[in-house]
N, C-alpha and C. Protein backbone atom coordinates (compact mmCIF):
# COMPACT_ATOMS: atom_id res chain seq x y z
N VAL A 1 108.48 121.64 96.46
CA VAL A 1 107.50 121.55 97.52
C VAL A 1 106.39 122.55 97.20
N CYS A 2 105.18 122.09 97.25
CA CYS A 2 104.02 122.94 96.98
C CYS A 2 103.39 123.33 98.31
N TYR A 3 103.36 124.63 98.58
CA TYR A 3 102.84 125.10 99.86
C TYR A 3 101.34 125.37 99.82
N ASP A 4 100.76 125.49 98.64
CA ASP A 4 99.33 125.73 98.50
C ASP A 4 98.61 124.37 98.51
N LYS A 5 97.82 124.13 99.54
CA LYS A 5 97.18 122.81 99.69
C LYS A 5 96.24 122.49 98.53
N ALA A 6 95.52 123.49 98.01
CA ALA A 6 94.59 123.25 96.90
C ALA A 6 95.36 122.89 95.63
N ALA A 7 96.48 123.56 95.39
CA ALA A 7 97.29 123.26 94.20
C ALA A 7 97.98 121.91 94.34
N ALA A 8 98.37 121.55 95.54
CA ALA A 8 99.04 120.27 95.76
C ALA A 8 98.08 119.11 95.53
N ARG A 9 96.82 119.30 95.82
CA ARG A 9 95.83 118.26 95.61
C ARG A 9 95.53 118.12 94.13
N GLY A 10 95.61 119.22 93.40
CA GLY A 10 95.37 119.18 91.97
C GLY A 10 93.89 119.20 91.63
N ARG A 11 93.61 119.53 90.40
CA ARG A 11 92.22 119.55 89.95
C ARG A 11 91.74 118.13 89.73
N GLY A 12 90.57 117.81 90.17
CA GLY A 12 90.05 116.45 90.02
C GLY A 12 90.78 115.46 90.91
N LYS A 13 91.44 115.95 91.96
CA LYS A 13 92.22 115.13 92.89
C LYS A 13 93.33 114.35 92.19
N ASN A 14 93.91 114.95 91.18
CA ASN A 14 95.07 114.39 90.50
C ASN A 14 96.34 115.05 91.01
N ILE A 15 97.44 114.41 90.77
CA ILE A 15 98.74 115.01 91.02
C ILE A 15 98.92 116.12 89.98
N PRO A 16 99.36 117.31 90.36
CA PRO A 16 99.56 118.37 89.37
C PRO A 16 100.62 117.98 88.34
N ALA A 17 100.40 118.38 87.09
CA ALA A 17 101.38 118.10 86.03
C ALA A 17 102.69 118.81 86.36
N GLY A 18 103.79 118.13 86.11
CA GLY A 18 105.11 118.67 86.40
C GLY A 18 105.65 118.26 87.76
N THR A 19 104.92 117.47 88.50
CA THR A 19 105.37 117.02 89.81
C THR A 19 106.51 116.01 89.64
N VAL A 20 107.62 116.26 90.33
CA VAL A 20 108.78 115.36 90.30
C VAL A 20 109.02 114.86 91.72
N ILE A 21 109.23 113.56 91.83
CA ILE A 21 109.57 112.96 93.12
C ILE A 21 110.91 112.27 92.93
N ASP A 22 111.93 112.78 93.61
CA ASP A 22 113.26 112.20 93.46
C ASP A 22 113.91 111.87 94.79
N ARG A 23 113.13 111.85 95.84
CA ARG A 23 113.64 111.49 97.17
C ARG A 23 112.65 110.56 97.86
N VAL A 24 113.06 109.97 98.92
CA VAL A 24 112.28 109.13 99.84
C VAL A 24 111.80 107.83 99.19
N VAL A 25 110.96 107.87 98.16
CA VAL A 25 110.42 106.64 97.58
C VAL A 25 111.27 106.10 96.43
N THR A 26 112.33 106.79 96.08
CA THR A 26 113.22 106.32 95.01
C THR A 26 114.35 105.49 95.60
N SER A 27 115.07 104.82 94.74
CA SER A 27 116.15 103.95 95.18
C SER A 27 117.37 104.78 95.61
N PRO A 28 117.97 104.47 96.76
CA PRO A 28 119.16 105.21 97.18
C PRO A 28 120.40 104.84 96.37
N ASP A 29 120.37 103.70 95.68
CA ASP A 29 121.54 103.23 94.95
C ASP A 29 121.48 103.52 93.46
N GLU A 30 120.33 103.89 92.94
CA GLU A 30 120.16 104.10 91.51
C GLU A 30 119.76 105.53 91.21
N TYR A 31 119.95 105.94 89.96
CA TYR A 31 119.58 107.27 89.51
C TYR A 31 118.19 107.15 88.90
N ASP A 32 117.16 107.39 89.70
CA ASP A 32 115.79 107.27 89.22
C ASP A 32 114.94 108.38 89.82
N PHE A 33 113.81 108.64 89.18
CA PHE A 33 112.87 109.64 89.67
C PHE A 33 111.50 109.35 89.09
N PHE A 34 110.48 109.89 89.72
CA PHE A 34 109.10 109.80 89.23
C PHE A 34 108.71 111.17 88.69
N LEU A 35 108.01 111.18 87.56
CA LEU A 35 107.55 112.43 86.96
C LEU A 35 106.12 112.27 86.50
N CYS A 36 105.26 113.14 86.95
CA CYS A 36 103.88 113.19 86.45
C CYS A 36 103.82 114.36 85.48
N SER A 37 103.86 114.07 84.19
CA SER A 37 103.99 115.12 83.19
C SER A 37 102.69 115.53 82.54
N HIS A 38 101.60 114.87 82.85
CA HIS A 38 100.34 115.15 82.17
C HIS A 38 99.23 115.48 83.16
N HIS A 39 98.23 116.20 82.67
CA HIS A 39 97.04 116.48 83.46
C HIS A 39 96.10 115.30 83.33
N GLY A 40 95.79 114.68 84.42
CA GLY A 40 94.88 113.55 84.38
C GLY A 40 93.43 114.00 84.33
N ILE A 41 92.59 113.12 83.88
CA ILE A 41 91.17 113.39 83.82
C ILE A 41 90.48 112.49 84.85
N GLN A 42 89.78 113.08 85.78
CA GLN A 42 89.01 112.36 86.78
C GLN A 42 89.84 111.38 87.61
N GLY A 43 90.94 111.83 88.14
CA GLY A 43 91.73 111.00 89.05
C GLY A 43 92.54 109.91 88.38
N THR A 44 92.91 110.11 87.12
CA THR A 44 93.61 109.04 86.39
C THR A 44 95.09 109.30 86.17
N SER A 45 95.64 110.40 86.68
CA SER A 45 97.06 110.67 86.42
C SER A 45 97.93 109.77 87.29
N THR A 46 98.93 109.19 86.67
CA THR A 46 99.90 108.36 87.38
C THR A 46 101.30 108.78 86.97
N PRO A 47 102.20 108.92 87.91
CA PRO A 47 103.56 109.30 87.54
C PRO A 47 104.29 108.14 86.86
N THR A 48 105.24 108.50 86.02
CA THR A 48 106.07 107.53 85.32
C THR A 48 107.42 107.47 86.02
N ARG A 49 107.96 106.28 86.17
CA ARG A 49 109.27 106.13 86.80
C ARG A 49 110.34 106.12 85.73
N TYR A 50 111.35 106.95 85.91
CA TYR A 50 112.45 107.07 84.97
C TYR A 50 113.73 106.54 85.63
N TYR A 51 114.45 105.72 84.88
CA TYR A 51 115.77 105.22 85.31
C TYR A 51 116.81 105.79 84.36
N VAL A 52 117.83 106.40 84.89
CA VAL A 52 118.95 106.86 84.07
C VAL A 52 120.00 105.76 84.15
N LEU A 53 120.19 105.05 83.04
CA LEU A 53 121.11 103.91 83.04
C LEU A 53 122.56 104.34 82.94
N PHE A 54 122.82 105.35 82.08
CA PHE A 54 124.19 105.80 81.89
C PHE A 54 124.15 107.26 81.49
N ASP A 55 124.90 108.10 82.17
CA ASP A 55 124.92 109.53 81.89
C ASP A 55 126.35 109.96 81.58
N GLU A 56 126.71 109.88 80.30
CA GLU A 56 128.07 110.24 79.92
C GLU A 56 128.26 111.75 79.80
N SER A 57 127.19 112.52 79.82
CA SER A 57 127.30 113.97 79.72
C SER A 57 127.36 114.65 81.09
N ASN A 58 127.22 113.88 82.15
CA ASN A 58 127.21 114.41 83.52
C ASN A 58 126.21 115.56 83.66
N MET A 59 125.02 115.34 83.14
CA MET A 59 123.97 116.35 83.16
C MET A 59 123.43 116.53 84.57
N ASP A 60 123.07 117.75 84.88
CA ASP A 60 122.46 118.08 86.16
C ASP A 60 121.14 117.32 86.31
N VAL A 61 120.83 116.90 87.51
CA VAL A 61 119.62 116.12 87.76
C VAL A 61 118.38 116.90 87.35
N ASN A 62 118.32 118.18 87.70
CA ASN A 62 117.15 119.00 87.35
C ASN A 62 117.02 119.16 85.84
N ALA A 63 118.13 119.29 85.14
CA ALA A 63 118.09 119.41 83.68
C ALA A 63 117.57 118.12 83.05
N MET A 64 117.98 116.98 83.57
CA MET A 64 117.49 115.70 83.07
C MET A 64 115.98 115.58 83.26
N GLN A 65 115.49 116.01 84.40
CA GLN A 65 114.06 115.95 84.67
C GLN A 65 113.29 116.92 83.78
N LEU A 66 113.84 118.10 83.53
CA LEU A 66 113.19 119.07 82.64
C LEU A 66 113.12 118.56 81.21
N ILE A 67 114.18 117.94 80.74
CA ILE A 67 114.17 117.39 79.38
C ILE A 67 113.09 116.31 79.25
N ALA A 68 113.01 115.44 80.24
CA ALA A 68 111.97 114.40 80.21
C ALA A 68 110.58 115.04 80.21
N TYR A 69 110.41 116.08 80.99
CA TYR A 69 109.11 116.77 81.07
C TYR A 69 108.78 117.46 79.74
N TYR A 70 109.75 118.15 79.15
CA TYR A 70 109.50 118.86 77.88
C TYR A 70 109.23 117.88 76.74
N LEU A 71 109.87 116.73 76.74
CA LEU A 71 109.64 115.75 75.68
C LEU A 71 108.23 115.17 75.74
N CYS A 72 107.57 115.29 76.86
CA CYS A 72 106.19 114.82 76.98
C CYS A 72 105.20 115.79 76.34
N HIS A 73 105.67 116.97 75.93
CA HIS A 73 104.79 117.98 75.34
C HIS A 73 104.88 118.05 73.82
N ILE A 74 105.68 117.21 73.18
CA ILE A 74 105.86 117.33 71.72
C ILE A 74 105.31 116.14 70.95
N TYR A 75 104.46 115.35 71.57
CA TYR A 75 103.87 114.20 70.88
C TYR A 75 102.86 114.71 69.85
N GLY A 76 103.04 114.34 68.60
CA GLY A 76 102.27 114.89 67.50
C GLY A 76 100.82 114.44 67.42
N ARG A 77 100.46 113.37 68.07
CA ARG A 77 99.09 112.86 67.99
C ARG A 77 98.18 113.38 69.09
N CYS A 78 98.69 114.21 69.95
CA CYS A 78 97.90 114.71 71.08
C CYS A 78 98.23 116.18 71.31
N ALA A 79 97.21 117.00 71.50
CA ALA A 79 97.42 118.43 71.73
C ALA A 79 97.81 118.73 73.18
N ARG A 80 97.69 117.75 74.05
CA ARG A 80 98.04 117.92 75.46
C ARG A 80 99.35 117.18 75.75
N SER A 81 99.87 117.36 76.95
CA SER A 81 101.05 116.60 77.33
C SER A 81 100.65 115.15 77.59
N VAL A 82 101.58 114.25 77.36
CA VAL A 82 101.32 112.82 77.53
C VAL A 82 102.15 112.29 78.69
N SER A 83 101.93 111.05 79.07
CA SER A 83 102.55 110.51 80.28
C SER A 83 104.00 110.09 80.11
N ILE A 84 104.42 109.78 78.89
CA ILE A 84 105.81 109.38 78.63
C ILE A 84 106.36 110.23 77.49
N PRO A 85 107.68 110.37 77.38
CA PRO A 85 108.26 111.22 76.33
C PRO A 85 107.87 110.75 74.93
N ALA A 86 107.76 111.71 74.02
CA ALA A 86 107.33 111.43 72.65
C ALA A 86 108.19 110.38 71.95
N PRO A 87 109.53 110.40 72.07
CA PRO A 87 110.31 109.34 71.41
C PRO A 87 109.94 107.94 71.88
N VAL A 88 109.55 107.80 73.13
CA VAL A 88 109.14 106.49 73.64
C VAL A 88 107.81 106.08 73.02
N TYR A 89 106.88 107.03 72.89
CA TYR A 89 105.61 106.74 72.23
C TYR A 89 105.82 106.34 70.78
N PHE A 90 106.69 107.07 70.06
CA PHE A 90 106.94 106.75 68.66
C PHE A 90 107.60 105.37 68.52
N ALA A 91 108.51 105.04 69.42
CA ALA A 91 109.13 103.71 69.39
C ALA A 91 108.09 102.63 69.64
N HIS A 92 107.16 102.89 70.52
CA HIS A 92 106.08 101.93 70.78
C HIS A 92 105.22 101.73 69.54
N LEU A 93 104.92 102.81 68.82
CA LEU A 93 104.13 102.69 67.60
C LEU A 93 104.87 101.89 66.53
N VAL A 94 106.17 102.12 66.40
CA VAL A 94 106.97 101.38 65.42
C VAL A 94 106.98 99.89 65.77
N CYS A 95 107.17 99.57 67.03
CA CYS A 95 107.20 98.16 67.44
C CYS A 95 105.84 97.50 67.26
N ALA A 96 104.77 98.24 67.47
CA ALA A 96 103.44 97.67 67.28
C ALA A 96 103.15 97.43 65.80
N ARG A 97 103.70 98.26 64.94
CA ARG A 97 103.44 98.15 63.50
C ARG A 97 104.41 97.18 62.81
N ALA A 98 105.55 96.90 63.39
CA ALA A 98 106.59 96.08 62.76
C ALA A 98 106.11 94.70 62.31
N PRO A 99 105.33 93.96 63.09
CA PRO A 99 104.90 92.63 62.63
C PRO A 99 104.14 92.66 61.30
N TYR A 100 103.38 93.70 61.06
CA TYR A 100 102.63 93.80 59.80
C TYR A 100 103.56 93.98 58.61
N HIS A 101 104.65 94.70 58.81
CA HIS A 101 105.62 94.89 57.73
C HIS A 101 106.40 93.61 57.46
N PHE A 102 106.72 92.87 58.51
CA PHE A 102 107.46 91.63 58.31
C PHE A 102 106.58 90.56 57.68
N LEU A 103 105.31 90.52 58.02
CA LEU A 103 104.40 89.55 57.42
C LEU A 103 104.12 89.87 55.96
N ALA A 104 104.13 91.14 55.60
CA ALA A 104 103.84 91.54 54.23
C ALA A 104 105.03 91.29 53.30
N ALA A 105 106.21 91.21 53.84
CA ALA A 105 107.42 91.06 53.01
C ALA A 105 107.64 89.64 52.55
């Protein structure tokens, strides 16, 4: 909970980076949360919805959210934090490039 009204509004009227929403608007039956991990430019920040499908390590909810947040800071093509974790971005790049490799073979 952010008690400072100016900080809660964020710069440029964006949601502040690191904001996690895991109550009220999430599903009561599923393990999901919203995370806004990046600083938006001119009102463009949107939180990403995360679904935990299977947790065999019984990880703490806060630890899971922190890992997702930290993974958004290690994307090699951007000096800032990004909206989704770096492994997801890299998988997207591989899938986008795959048709060219299959056509060339």
